[in-house]
């Protein structure tokens, strides 16, 4: 490895309008790194900031060669910033943290140890004691509870920005949309199942204000269903749509068969089949079942032509 590639830690910091906190965050990270003798790099991913964040990053880089900066033309979101940071980093252990000083760099040495000595693939922070209003903490608890139930990953704080990864993890996953909330789910789907958790300090916000509103909880639940579907049925959509379609079609077929038998041998009133509500239930079930089955078939055809249909992660080869 070259000297640039032989870093122990890469710290990826996505940011949007955080010019006030960046010098203090850099000094704090630098102190922790030097005190522990780590070789490191800090990647500041400027997600289209409209303040002086980029000028601050340029100043920090001129004073510290361990600082790297990437600037987006516009605001693309945290997932895009993390994805680009993951592609650019070279450290053996990758740490992500927010730029608002609510994540403590003092946690880095233990997170690093859990990856290198504890043999974890990913360690997620848990802000057990939060300095946030109830309007944020209560929805967060509900969101994380539902997330644990749906994903099967027993993390108390899935969306904590402070996380540590083995380098192989970040180089093997792709984050898009707003899927940064579900990186542990994506990582496990890619075969990295050794996921741990660490209680971390949650600092009070010192500068600025939160960039996320209550709409993130609505988007979060919608993304939860998306990532659950993608990880379970992304490579085999027919197993989902085909099963539902078959069940709906069979329901309609059974009801139709019963209506015919009832009309021929049981019902003596002379009512037309079309006058019975069961007829419309059966008709709707058959139509919906056929549509679902066709949706699964079309999805399979699209997947067959996808460039990622045979993307499998090979761990070792001899």
C-alpha atoms as a PDB file:
ATOM      1  CA  UNK A   1       0.000   0.000   0.000  1.00  0.00           C
ATOM      2  CA  UNK A   2       1.052   3.602  -0.567  1.00  0.00           C
ATOM      3  CA  UNK A   3       1.270   5.953   2.389  1.00  0.00           C
ATOM      4  CA  UNK A   4      -2.038   7.500   1.360  1.00  0.00           C
ATOM      5  CA  UNK A   5      -3.746   4.097   1.347  1.00  0.00           C
ATOM      6  CA  UNK A   6      -2.210   2.931   4.627  1.00  0.00           C
ATOM      7  CA  UNK A   7      -4.424   4.929   6.982  1.00  0.00           C
ATOM      8  CA  UNK A   8      -5.821   3.282  10.076  1.00  0.00           C
ATOM      9  CA  UNK A   9      -8.960   5.427  10.180  1.00  0.00           C
ATOM     10  CA  UNK A  10     -11.011   7.404   7.691  1.00  0.00           C
ATOM     11  CA  UNK A  11     -13.483   9.829   9.246  1.00  0.00           C
ATOM     12  CA  UNK A  12     -16.284  10.747   6.860  1.00  0.00           C
ATOM     13  CA  UNK A  13     -18.194  13.898   7.820  1.00  0.00           C
ATOM     14  CA  UNK A  14     -21.174  14.894   5.639  1.00  0.00           C
ATOM     15  CA  UNK A  15     -22.187  18.508   6.214  1.00  0.00           C
ATOM     16  CA  UNK A  16     -24.586  21.193   5.117  1.00  0.00           C
ATOM     17  CA  UNK A  17     -24.109  24.769   6.348  1.00  0.00           C
ATOM     18  CA  UNK A  18     -21.915  23.950   9.346  1.00  0.00           C
ATOM     19  CA  UNK A  19     -19.157  26.583   8.986  1.00  0.00           C
ATOM     20  CA  UNK A  20     -19.292  27.535  12.686  1.00  0.00           C
ATOM     21  CA  UNK A  21     -18.684  24.036  14.029  1.00  0.00           C
ATOM     22  CA  UNK A  22     -16.054  22.774  11.567  1.00  0.00           C
ATOM     23  CA  UNK A  23     -12.896  24.309  13.141  1.00  0.00           C
ATOM     24  CA  UNK A  24     -13.847  23.012  16.586  1.00  0.00           C
ATOM     25  CA  UNK A  25     -14.755  19.575  15.228  1.00  0.00           C
ATOM     26  CA  UNK A  26     -11.470  19.338  13.331  1.00  0.00           C
ATOM     27  CA  UNK A  27      -9.423  20.328  16.376  1.00  0.00           C
ATOM     28  CA  UNK A  28     -11.286  17.793  18.521  1.00  0.00           C
ATOM     29  CA  UNK A  29     -10.767  14.949  16.012  1.00  0.00           C
ATOM     30  CA  UNK A  30      -7.109  15.898  15.538  1.00  0.00           C
ATOM     31  CA  UNK A  31      -6.469  15.795  19.278  1.00  0.00           C
ATOM     32  CA  UNK A  32      -8.057  12.351  19.632  1.00  0.00           C
ATOM     33  CA  UNK A  33      -6.083  10.989  16.680  1.00  0.00           C
ATOM     34  CA  UNK A  34      -2.742  12.344  17.932  1.00  0.00           C
ATOM     35  CA  UNK A  35      -3.344  11.242  21.532  1.00  0.00           C
ATOM     36  CA  UNK A  36      -3.953   7.668  20.326  1.00  0.00           C
ATOM     37  CA  UNK A  37      -1.269   7.591  17.636  1.00  0.00           C
ATOM     38  CA  UNK A  38      -3.673   6.825  14.797  1.00  0.00           C
ATOM     39  CA  UNK A  39      -2.855   7.463  11.163  1.00  0.00           C
ATOM     40  CA  UNK A  40      -5.986   9.057   9.763  1.00  0.00           C
ATOM     41  CA  UNK A  41      -7.767  11.152   7.207  1.00  0.00           C
ATOM     42  CA  UNK A  42     -10.800  13.411   7.588  1.00  0.00           C
ATOM     43  CA  UNK A  43     -13.139  13.644   4.603  1.00  0.00           C
ATOM     44  CA  UNK A  44     -15.456  16.626   4.774  1.00  0.00           C
ATOM     45  CA  UNK A  45     -18.264  16.111   2.234  1.00  0.00           C
ATOM     46  CA  UNK A  46     -19.801  19.526   1.588  1.00  0.00           C
ATOM     47  CA  UNK A  47     -23.360  18.780   0.489  1.00  0.00           C
ATOM     48  CA  UNK A  48     -24.022  22.023  -1.398  1.00  0.00           C
ATOM     49  CA  UNK A  49     -23.635  24.384   1.580  1.00  0.00           C
ATOM     50  CA  UNK A  50     -24.594  28.020   0.984  1.00  0.00           C
ATOM     51  CA  UNK A  51     -22.525  29.428   3.849  1.00  0.00           C
ATOM     52  CA  UNK A  52     -18.734  29.562   4.247  1.00  0.00           C
ATOM     53  CA  UNK A  53     -18.291  25.836   4.926  1.00  0.00           C
ATOM     54  CA  UNK A  54     -16.121  25.241   1.849  1.00  0.00           C
ATOM     55  CA  UNK A  55     -13.804  28.149   2.659  1.00  0.00           C
ATOM     56  CA  UNK A  56     -13.386  26.732   6.166  1.00  0.00           C
ATOM     57  CA  UNK A  57     -12.556  23.294   4.724  1.00  0.00           C
ATOM     58  CA  UNK A  58      -9.968  24.840   2.395  1.00  0.00           C
ATOM     59  CA  UNK A  59      -8.377  26.647   5.344  1.00  0.00           C
ATOM     60  CA  UNK A  60      -8.276  23.454   7.421  1.00  0.00           C
ATOM     61  CA  UNK A  61      -6.744  21.510   4.549  1.00  0.00           C
ATOM     62  CA  UNK A  62      -3.997  24.092   4.093  1.00  0.00           C
ATOM     63  CA  UNK A  63      -3.003  23.557   7.727  1.00  0.00           C
ATOM     64  CA  UNK A  64      -3.547  19.792   7.999  1.00  0.00           C
ATOM     65  CA  UNK A  65      -2.651  17.452   5.130  1.00  0.00           C
ATOM     66  CA  UNK A  66      -4.852  14.767   6.679  1.00  0.00           C
ATOM     67  CA  UNK A  67      -7.911  16.808   5.695  1.00  0.00           C
ATOM     68  CA  UNK A  68      -9.647  16.122   2.385  1.00  0.00           C
ATOM     69  CA  UNK A  69     -12.705  17.894   1.027  1.00  0.00           C
ATOM     70  CA  UNK A  70     -15.344  17.091  -1.573  1.00  0.00           C
ATOM     71  CA  UNK A  71     -17.841  19.736  -2.635  1.00  0.00           C
ATOM     72  CA  UNK A  72     -21.192  19.046  -4.316  1.00  0.00           C
ATOM     73  CA  UNK A  73     -22.599  21.503  -6.853  1.00  0.00           C
ATOM     74  CA  UNK A  74     -25.914  21.476  -4.957  1.00  0.00           C
ATOM     75  CA  UNK A  75     -27.570  19.802  -2.001  1.00  0.00           C
ATOM     76  CA  UNK A  76     -28.098  16.112  -2.794  1.00  0.00           C
ATOM     77  CA  UNK A  77     -28.731  14.773   0.698  1.00  0.00           C
ATOM     78  CA  UNK A  78     -26.891  12.795   3.349  1.00  0.00           C
ATOM     79  CA  UNK A  79     -27.051   9.474   1.506  1.00  0.00           C
ATOM     80  CA  UNK A  80     -25.268  10.938  -1.514  1.00  0.00           C
ATOM     81  CA  UNK A  81     -22.613  12.523   0.714  1.00  0.00           C
ATOM     82  CA  UNK A  82     -21.946   9.254   2.534  1.00  0.00           C
ATOM     83  CA  UNK A  83     -21.841   7.263  -0.691  1.00  0.00           C
ATOM     84  CA  UNK A  84     -19.221   9.571  -2.210  1.00  0.00           C
ATOM     85  CA  UNK A  85     -17.269   9.581   1.052  1.00  0.00           C
ATOM     86  CA  UNK A  86     -17.296   5.782   1.179  1.00  0.00           C
ATOM     87  CA  UNK A  87     -15.992   5.584  -2.373  1.00  0.00           C
ATOM     88  CA  UNK A  88     -13.187   8.054  -1.662  1.00  0.00           C
ATOM     89  CA  UNK A  89     -11.959   6.873   1.759  1.00  0.00           C
ATOM     90  CA  UNK A  90      -8.850   4.704   2.153  1.00  0.00           C
ATOM     91  CA  UNK A  91      -8.769   3.850   5.883  1.00  0.00           C
ATOM     92  CA  UNK A  92      -8.969   0.304   7.209  1.00  0.00           C
ATOM     93  CA  UNK A  93     -11.721   1.422   9.604  1.00  0.00           C
ATOM     94  CA  UNK A  94     -14.258   4.024   8.507  1.00  0.00           C
ATOM     95  CA  UNK A  95     -15.990   6.271  11.036  1.00  0.00           C
ATOM     96  CA  UNK A  96     -18.982   8.425  10.125  1.00  0.00           C
ATOM     97  CA  UNK A  97     -20.135  11.331  12.235  1.00  0.00           C
ATOM     98  CA  UNK A  98     -22.243  14.458  11.868  1.00  0.00           C
ATOM     99  CA  UNK A  99     -20.631  17.888  11.679  1.00  0.00           C
ATOM    100  CA  UNK A 100     -22.800  19.603  14.300  1.00  0.00           C
ATOM    101  CA  UNK A 101     -20.662  18.526  17.315  1.00  0.00           C
ATOM    102  CA  UNK A 102     -23.455  16.341  18.702  1.00  0.00           C
ATOM    103  CA  UNK A 103     -21.303  13.266  17.970  1.00  0.00           C
ATOM    104  CA  UNK A 104     -18.234  13.034  20.209  1.00  0.00           C
ATOM    105  CA  UNK A 105     -14.867  12.170  18.574  1.00  0.00           C
ATOM    106  CA  UNK A 106     -13.813  10.776  21.972  1.00  0.00           C
ATOM    107  CA  UNK A 107     -15.820   7.656  21.032  1.00  0.00           C
ATOM    108  CA  UNK A 108     -13.572   6.889  18.058  1.00  0.00           C
ATOM    109  CA  UNK A 109     -10.838   4.837  19.827  1.00  0.00           C
ATOM    110  CA  UNK A 110     -13.336   2.387  21.332  1.00  0.00           C
ATOM    111  CA  UNK A 111     -15.292   2.136  18.087  1.00  0.00           C
ATOM    112  CA  UNK A 112     -12.020   1.399  16.287  1.00  0.00           C
ATOM    113  CA  UNK A 113     -11.166  -1.279  18.847  1.00  0.00           C
ATOM    114  CA  UNK A 114     -14.572  -2.947  18.462  1.00  0.00           C
ATOM    115  CA  UNK A 115     -13.965  -3.289  14.711  1.00  0.00           C
ATOM    116  CA  UNK A 116     -10.322  -4.378  14.836  1.00  0.00           C
ATOM    117  CA  UNK A 117     -10.402  -6.494  18.002  1.00  0.00           C
ATOM    118  CA  UNK A 118     -14.064  -7.317  18.429  1.00  0.00           C
ATOM    119  CA  UNK A 119     -14.289  -8.553  14.845  1.00  0.00           C
ATOM    120  CA  UNK A 120     -17.434  -6.577  14.107  1.00  0.00           C
ATOM    121  CA  UNK A 121     -18.298  -5.582  10.558  1.00  0.00           C
ATOM    122  CA  UNK A 122     -20.272  -2.559  11.710  1.00  0.00           C
ATOM    123  CA  UNK A 123     -20.796  -0.848  15.060  1.00  0.00           C
ATOM    124  CA  UNK A 124     -23.648   1.606  15.452  1.00  0.00           C
ATOM    125  CA  UNK A 125     -23.775   4.271  18.129  1.00  0.00           C
ATOM    126  CA  UNK A 126     -26.700   4.410  20.559  1.00  0.00           C
ATOM    127  CA  UNK A 127     -27.547   7.837  21.954  1.00  0.00           C
ATOM    128  CA  UNK A 128     -29.133   6.384  25.058  1.00  0.00           C
ATOM    129  CA  UNK A 129     -29.424   9.787  26.733  1.00  0.00           C
ATOM    130  CA  UNK A 130     -30.528  12.357  24.171  1.00  0.00           C
ATOM    131  CA  UNK A 131     -30.530  16.149  24.435  1.00  0.00           C
ATOM    132  CA  UNK A 132     -33.538  16.570  22.168  1.00  0.00           C
ATOM    133  CA  UNK A 133     -37.162  17.695  22.749  1.00  0.00           C
ATOM    134  CA  UNK A 134     -39.911  15.109  23.277  1.00  0.00           C
ATOM    135  CA  UNK A 135     -41.268  15.930  19.816  1.00  0.00           C
ATOM    136  CA  UNK A 136     -38.130  14.290  18.451  1.00  0.00           C
ATOM    137  CA  UNK A 137     -37.302  11.590  21.005  1.00  0.00           C
ATOM    138  CA  UNK A 138     -40.742   9.944  21.161  1.00  0.00           C
ATOM    139  CA  UNK A 139     -41.130   9.496  17.355  1.00  0.00           C
ATOM    140  CA  UNK A 140     -37.515   8.267  17.273  1.00  0.00           C
ATOM    141  CA  UNK A 141     -38.273   5.545  19.835  1.00  0.00           C
ATOM    142  CA  UNK A 142     -41.363   4.438  17.892  1.00  0.00           C
ATOM    143  CA  UNK A 143     -39.444   4.478  14.616  1.00  0.00           C
ATOM    144  CA  UNK A 144     -36.584   2.400  16.032  1.00  0.00           C
ATOM    145  CA  UNK A 145     -38.989  -0.075  17.629  1.00  0.00           C
ATOM    146  CA  UNK A 146     -40.797  -0.700  14.344  1.00  0.00           C
ATOM    147  CA  UNK A 147     -37.459  -0.889  12.574  1.00  0.00           C
ATOM    148  CA  UNK A 148     -36.161  -3.592  14.932  1.00  0.00           C
ATOM    149  CA  UNK A 149     -39.337  -5.586  14.400  1.00  0.00           C
ATOM    150  CA  UNK A 150     -39.267  -5.345  10.601  1.00  0.00           C
ATOM    151  CA  UNK A 151     -35.533  -5.746  10.010  1.00  0.00           C
ATOM    152  CA  UNK A 152     -34.705  -8.200  12.787  1.00  0.00           C
ATOM    153  CA  UNK A 153     -31.581  -6.164  13.641  1.00  0.00           C
ATOM    154  CA  UNK A 154     -31.556  -5.416  17.368  1.00  0.00           C
ATOM    155  CA  UNK A 155     -30.262  -1.837  17.350  1.00  0.00           C
ATOM    156  CA  UNK A 156     -31.693   0.831  19.612  1.00  0.00           C
ATOM    157  CA  UNK A 157     -30.687   3.721  17.353  1.00  0.00           C
ATOM    158  CA  UNK A 158     -30.551   2.661  13.707  1.00  0.00           C
ATOM    159  CA  UNK A 159     -30.175   6.245  12.446  1.00  0.00           C
ATOM    160  CA  UNK A 160     -27.321   7.347  14.702  1.00  0.00           C
ATOM    161  CA  UNK A 161     -24.782   9.245  12.588  1.00  0.00           C
ATOM    162  CA  UNK A 162     -21.846   7.928  14.627  1.00  0.00           C
ATOM    163  CA  UNK A 163     -20.935   4.515  13.192  1.00  0.00           C
ATOM    164  CA  UNK A 164     -17.808   2.462  12.527  1.00  0.00           C
ATOM    165  CA  UNK A 165     -17.260   0.058   9.624  1.00  0.00           C
ATOM    166  CA  UNK A 166     -14.697  -2.307   8.286  1.00  0.00           C
ATOM    167  CA  UNK A 167     -13.424  -0.899   5.014  1.00  0.00           C
ATOM    168  CA  UNK A 168     -14.811  -3.879   3.081  1.00  0.00           C
ATOM    169  CA  UNK A 169     -18.332  -2.972   4.202  1.00  0.00           C
ATOM    170  CA  UNK A 170     -18.400   0.569   2.823  1.00  0.00           C
ATOM    171  CA  UNK A 171     -16.756  -0.544  -0.410  1.00  0.00           C
ATOM    172  CA  UNK A 172     -19.401  -3.224  -0.960  1.00  0.00           C
ATOM    173  CA  UNK A 173     -22.659  -1.337  -0.370  1.00  0.00           C
ATOM    174  CA  UNK A 174     -24.471   1.359  -2.296  1.00  0.00           C
ATOM    175  CA  UNK A 175     -26.498   4.068  -0.564  1.00  0.00           C
ATOM    176  CA  UNK A 176     -29.048   6.095  -2.490  1.00  0.00           C
ATOM    177  CA  UNK A 177     -32.150   8.204  -1.933  1.00  0.00           C
ATOM    178  CA  UNK A 178     -32.465   8.535   1.840  1.00  0.00           C
ATOM    179  CA  UNK A 179     -31.288   5.029   2.663  1.00  0.00           C
ATOM    180  CA  UNK A 180     -28.545   6.263   5.025  1.00  0.00           C
ATOM    181  CA  UNK A 181     -31.027   5.478   7.801  1.00  0.00           C
ATOM    182  CA  UNK A 182     -30.829   1.788   6.938  1.00  0.00           C
ATOM    183  CA  UNK A 183     -27.133   1.176   6.362  1.00  0.00           C
ATOM    184  CA  UNK A 184     -27.104  -1.740   8.877  1.00  0.00           C
ATOM    185  CA  UNK A 185     -29.935  -3.405   6.920  1.00  0.00           C
ATOM    186  CA  UNK A 186     -28.122  -2.858   3.616  1.00  0.00           C
ATOM    187  CA  UNK A 187     -24.859  -4.148   5.091  1.00  0.00           C
ATOM    188  CA  UNK A 188     -26.477  -7.314   6.433  1.00  0.00           C
ATOM    189  CA  UNK A 189     -28.136  -7.946   3.062  1.00  0.00           C
ATOM    190  CA  UNK A 190     -24.656  -7.744   1.516  1.00  0.00           C
ATOM    191  CA  UNK A 191     -23.420 -10.479   3.870  1.00  0.00           C
ATOM    192  CA  UNK A 192     -21.968  -8.420   6.724  1.00  0.00           C
ATOM    193  CA  UNK A 193     -23.967  -9.765   9.639  1.00  0.00           C
ATOM    194  CA  UNK A 194     -21.626  -9.024  12.564  1.00  0.00           C
ATOM    195  CA  UNK A 195     -23.336  -5.839  13.713  1.00  0.00           C
ATOM    196  CA  UNK A 196     -22.693  -4.380  17.158  1.00  0.00           C
ATOM    197  CA  UNK A 197     -23.828  -1.407  19.191  1.00  0.00           C
ATOM    198  CA  UNK A 198     -22.146   1.022  21.558  1.00  0.00           C
ATOM    199  CA  UNK A 199     -23.669   3.581  23.900  1.00  0.00           C
ATOM    200  CA  UNK A 200     -22.267   6.969  22.898  1.00  0.00           C
ATOM    201  CA  UNK A 201     -22.454  10.487  24.243  1.00  0.00           C
ATOM    202  CA  UNK A 202     -24.991  12.829  22.710  1.00  0.00           C
ATOM    203  CA  UNK A 203     -23.812  16.415  22.904  1.00  0.00           C
ATOM    204  CA  UNK A 204     -26.176  19.368  22.974  1.00  0.00           C
ATOM    205  CA  UNK A 205     -26.219  21.336  19.738  1.00  0.00           C
ATOM    206  CA  UNK A 206     -23.821  24.249  20.047  1.00  0.00           C
ATOM    207  CA  UNK A 207     -24.258  26.028  16.722  1.00  0.00           C
ATOM    208  CA  UNK A 208     -27.097  26.471  14.250  1.00  0.00           C
ATOM    209  CA  UNK A 209     -30.229  24.374  14.174  1.00  0.00           C
ATOM    210  CA  UNK A 210     -31.299  20.928  13.015  1.00  0.00           C
ATOM    211  CA  UNK A 211     -31.610  20.450   9.255  1.00  0.00           C
ATOM    212  CA  UNK A 212     -34.278  17.755   9.632  1.00  0.00           C
ATOM    213  CA  UNK A 213     -37.985  18.308  10.292  1.00  0.00           C
ATOM    214  CA  UNK A 214     -40.793  15.992  11.344  1.00  0.00           C
ATOM    215  CA  UNK A 215     -41.242  14.921   7.723  1.00  0.00           C
ATOM    216  CA  UNK A 216     -38.133  12.743   8.104  1.00  0.00           C
ATOM    217  CA  UNK A 217     -40.156  10.322  10.256  1.00  0.00           C
ATOM    218  CA  UNK A 218     -42.794   9.945   7.535  1.00  0.00           C
ATOM    219  CA  UNK A 219     -40.098   9.493   4.893  1.00  0.00           C
ATOM    220  CA  UNK A 220     -38.283   7.133   7.236  1.00  0.00           C
ATOM    221  CA  UNK A 221     -41.239   4.762   7.533  1.00  0.00           C
ATOM    222  CA  UNK A 222     -41.776   4.792   3.757  1.00  0.00           C
ATOM    223  CA  UNK A 223     -38.087   4.064   3.194  1.00  0.00           C
ATOM    224  CA  UNK A 224     -38.334   1.234   5.726  1.00  0.00           C
ATOM    225  CA  UNK A 225     -40.851  -0.594   3.550  1.00  0.00           C
ATOM    226  CA  UNK A 226     -38.741   0.110   0.471  1.00  0.00           C
ATOM    227  CA  UNK A 227     -35.515  -1.274   1.924  1.00  0.00           C
ATOM    228  CA  UNK A 228     -37.330  -4.287   3.390  1.00  0.00           C
ATOM    229  CA  UNK A 229     -38.743  -5.147  -0.033  1.00  0.00           C
ATOM    230  CA  UNK A 230     -35.453  -4.531  -1.848  1.00  0.00           C
ATOM    231  CA  UNK A 231     -33.354  -6.639   0.522  1.00  0.00           C
ATOM    232  CA  UNK A 232     -35.829  -9.544   0.550  1.00  0.00           C
ATOM    233  CA  UNK A 233     -37.166  -9.558  -2.999  1.00  0.00           C
ATOM    234  CA  UNK A 234     -34.834  -7.341  -5.039  1.00  0.00           C
ATOM    235  CA  UNK A 235     -33.348 -10.352  -6.863  1.00  0.00           C
ATOM    236  CA  UNK A 236     -36.588 -12.372  -6.966  1.00  0.00           C
ATOM    237  CA  UNK A 237     -39.635 -10.067  -7.360  1.00  0.00           C
ATOM    238  CA  UNK A 238     -41.760 -12.924  -8.727  1.00  0.00           C
ATOM    239  CA  UNK A 239     -41.636 -14.568  -5.307  1.00  0.00           C
ATOM    240  CA  UNK A 240     -43.525 -11.565  -3.899  1.00  0.00           C
ATOM    241  CA  UNK A 241     -45.857 -10.487  -6.697  1.00  0.00           C
ATOM    242  CA  UNK A 242     -46.359 -14.013  -7.999  1.00  0.00           C
ATOM    243  CA  UNK A 243     -47.352 -15.361  -4.586  1.00  0.00           C
ATOM    244  CA  UNK A 244     -49.850 -12.565  -3.934  1.00  0.00           C
ATOM    245  CA  UNK A 245     -51.196 -12.828  -7.487  1.00  0.00           C
ATOM    246  CA  UNK A 246     -51.637 -16.585  -7.245  1.00  0.00           C
ATOM    247  CA  UNK A 247     -53.455 -16.317  -3.895  1.00  0.00           C
ATOM    248  CA  UNK A 248     -55.789 -13.609  -5.227  1.00  0.00           C
ATOM    249  CA  UNK A 249     -56.492 -15.573  -8.418  1.00  0.00           C
ATOM    250  CA  UNK A 250     -57.213 -18.763  -6.474  1.00  0.00           C
ATOM    251  CA  UNK A 251     -59.587 -16.875  -4.177  1.00  0.00           C
ATOM    252  CA  UNK A 252     -61.500 -15.559  -7.178  1.00  0.00           C
ATOM    253  CA  UNK A 253     -61.498 -18.980  -8.865  1.00  0.00           C
ATOM    254  CA  UNK A 254     -62.814 -20.734  -5.732  1.00  0.00           C
ATOM    255  CA  UNK A 255     -65.598 -18.178  -5.262  1.00  0.00           C
ATOM    256  CA  UNK A 256     -66.529 -18.423  -8.958  1.00  0.00           C
ATOM    257  CA  UNK A 257     -66.658 -22.228  -8.763  1.00  0.00           C
ATOM    258  CA  UNK A 258     -68.883 -22.033  -5.697  1.00  0.00           C
ATOM    259  CA  UNK A 259     -71.237 -19.589  -7.441  1.00  0.00           C
ATOM    260  CA  UNK A 260     -71.582 -21.934 -10.428  1.00  0.00           C
ATOM    261  CA  UNK A 261     -72.262 -24.989  -8.218  1.00  0.00           C
ATOM    262  CA  UNK A 262     -74.723 -23.005  -6.135  1.00  0.00           C
ATOM    263  CA  UNK A 263     -76.539 -21.772  -9.229  1.00  0.00           C
ATOM    264  CA  UNK A 264     -76.820 -25.225 -10.832  1.00  0.00           C
ATOM    265  CA  UNK A 265     -77.620 -27.414  -7.851  1.00  0.00           C
ATOM    266  CA  UNK A 266     -78.581 -25.409  -4.761  1.00  0.00           C
ATOM    267  CA  UNK A 267     -80.158 -22.009  -5.420  1.00  0.00           C
ATOM    268  CA  UNK A 268     -83.805 -22.304  -6.503  1.00  0.00           C
ATOM    269  CA  UNK A 269     -84.666 -18.580  -6.454  1.00  0.00           C
ATOM    270  CA  UNK A 270     -83.589 -18.001 -10.048  1.00  0.00           C
ATOM    271  CA  UNK A 271     -81.265 -15.100  -9.212  1.00  0.00           C
ATOM    272  CA  UNK A 272     -78.653 -14.275 -11.803  1.00  0.00           C
ATOM    273  CA  UNK A 273     -75.035 -14.787 -10.772  1.00  0.00           C
ATOM    274  CA  UNK A 274     -74.322 -11.175 -11.748  1.00  0.00           C
ATOM    275  CA  UNK A 275     -76.854 -10.026  -9.142  1.00  0.00           C
ATOM    276  CA  UNK A 276     -74.856 -11.539  -6.285  1.00  0.00           C
ATOM    277  CA  UNK A 277     -72.102  -9.498  -4.530  1.00  0.00           C
ATOM    278  CA  UNK A 278     -69.878 -12.588  -4.402  1.00  0.00           C
ATOM    279  CA  UNK A 279     -69.621 -12.415  -8.200  1.00  0.00           C
ATOM    280  CA  UNK A 280     -67.922  -8.998  -8.070  1.00  0.00           C
ATOM    281  CA  UNK A 281     -65.595 -10.121  -5.284  1.00  0.00           C
ATOM    282  CA  UNK A 282     -64.526 -13.083  -7.421  1.00  0.00           C
ATOM    283  CA  UNK A 283     -64.143 -10.952 -10.549  1.00  0.00           C
ATOM    284  CA  UNK A 284     -62.033  -8.354  -8.724  1.00  0.00           C
ATOM    285  CA  UNK A 285     -59.826 -11.040  -7.158  1.00  0.00           C
ATOM    286  CA  UNK A 286     -59.150 -12.680 -10.527  1.00  0.00           C
ATOM    287  CA  UNK A 287     -58.313  -9.343 -12.199  1.00  0.00           C
ATOM    288  CA  UNK A 288     -56.060  -8.162  -9.339  1.00  0.00           C
ATOM    289  CA  UNK A 289     -54.386 -11.577  -9.116  1.00  0.00           C
ATOM    290  CA  UNK A 290     -53.641 -11.563 -12.844  1.00  0.00           C
ATOM    291  CA  UNK A 291     -52.208  -8.031 -12.628  1.00  0.00           C
ATOM    292  CA  UNK A 292     -49.965  -8.903  -9.694  1.00  0.00           C
ATOM    293  CA  UNK A 293     -48.700 -12.012 -11.460  1.00  0.00           C
ATOM    294  CA  UNK A 294     -47.936  -9.969 -14.589  1.00  0.00           C
ATOM    295  CA  UNK A 295     -46.186  -7.318 -12.459  1.00  0.00           C
ATOM    296  CA  UNK A 296     -43.903 -10.005 -11.044  1.00  0.00           C
ATOM    297  CA  UNK A 297     -43.253 -11.406 -14.517  1.00  0.00           C
ATOM    298  CA  UNK A 298     -42.342  -7.960 -15.902  1.00  0.00           C
ATOM    299  CA  UNK A 299     -40.117  -7.272 -12.871  1.00  0.00           C
ATOM    300  CA  UNK A 300     -38.281 -10.543 -13.532  1.00  0.00           C
ATOM    301  CA  UNK A 301     -37.728  -9.535 -17.170  1.00  0.00           C
ATOM    302  CA  UNK A 302     -36.356  -6.160 -16.060  1.00  0.00           C
ATOM    303  CA  UNK A 303     -34.122  -7.847 -13.508  1.00  0.00           C
ATOM    304  CA  UNK A 304     -32.848 -10.283 -16.131  1.00  0.00           C
ATOM    305  CA  UNK A 305     -31.553  -7.342 -18.177  1.00  0.00           C
ATOM    306  CA  UNK A 306     -30.120  -5.468 -15.182  1.00  0.00           C
ATOM    307  CA  UNK A 307     -26.361  -4.931 -15.117  1.00  0.00           C
ATOM    308  CA  UNK A 308     -26.345  -5.830 -11.397  1.00  0.00           C
ATOM    309  CA  UNK A 309     -28.237  -9.122 -11.658  1.00  0.00           C
ATOM    310  CA  UNK A 310     -25.074 -11.153 -10.996  1.00  0.00           C
ATOM    311  CA  UNK A 311     -23.280  -8.818  -8.599  1.00  0.00           C
ATOM    312  CA  UNK A 312     -22.178 -11.111  -5.773  1.00  0.00           C
ATOM    313  CA  UNK A 313     -19.599 -10.275  -3.134  1.00  0.00           C
ATOM    314  CA  UNK A 314     -16.694 -12.755  -3.096  1.00  0.00           C
ATOM    315  CA  UNK A 315     -14.973 -12.793   0.289  1.00  0.00           C
ATOM    316  CA  UNK A 316     -11.961 -14.978  -0.539  1.00  0.00           C
ATOM    317  CA  UNK A 317     -10.446 -16.834  -3.467  1.00  0.00           C
ATOM    318  CA  UNK A 318      -7.535 -19.258  -3.560  1.00  0.00           C
END
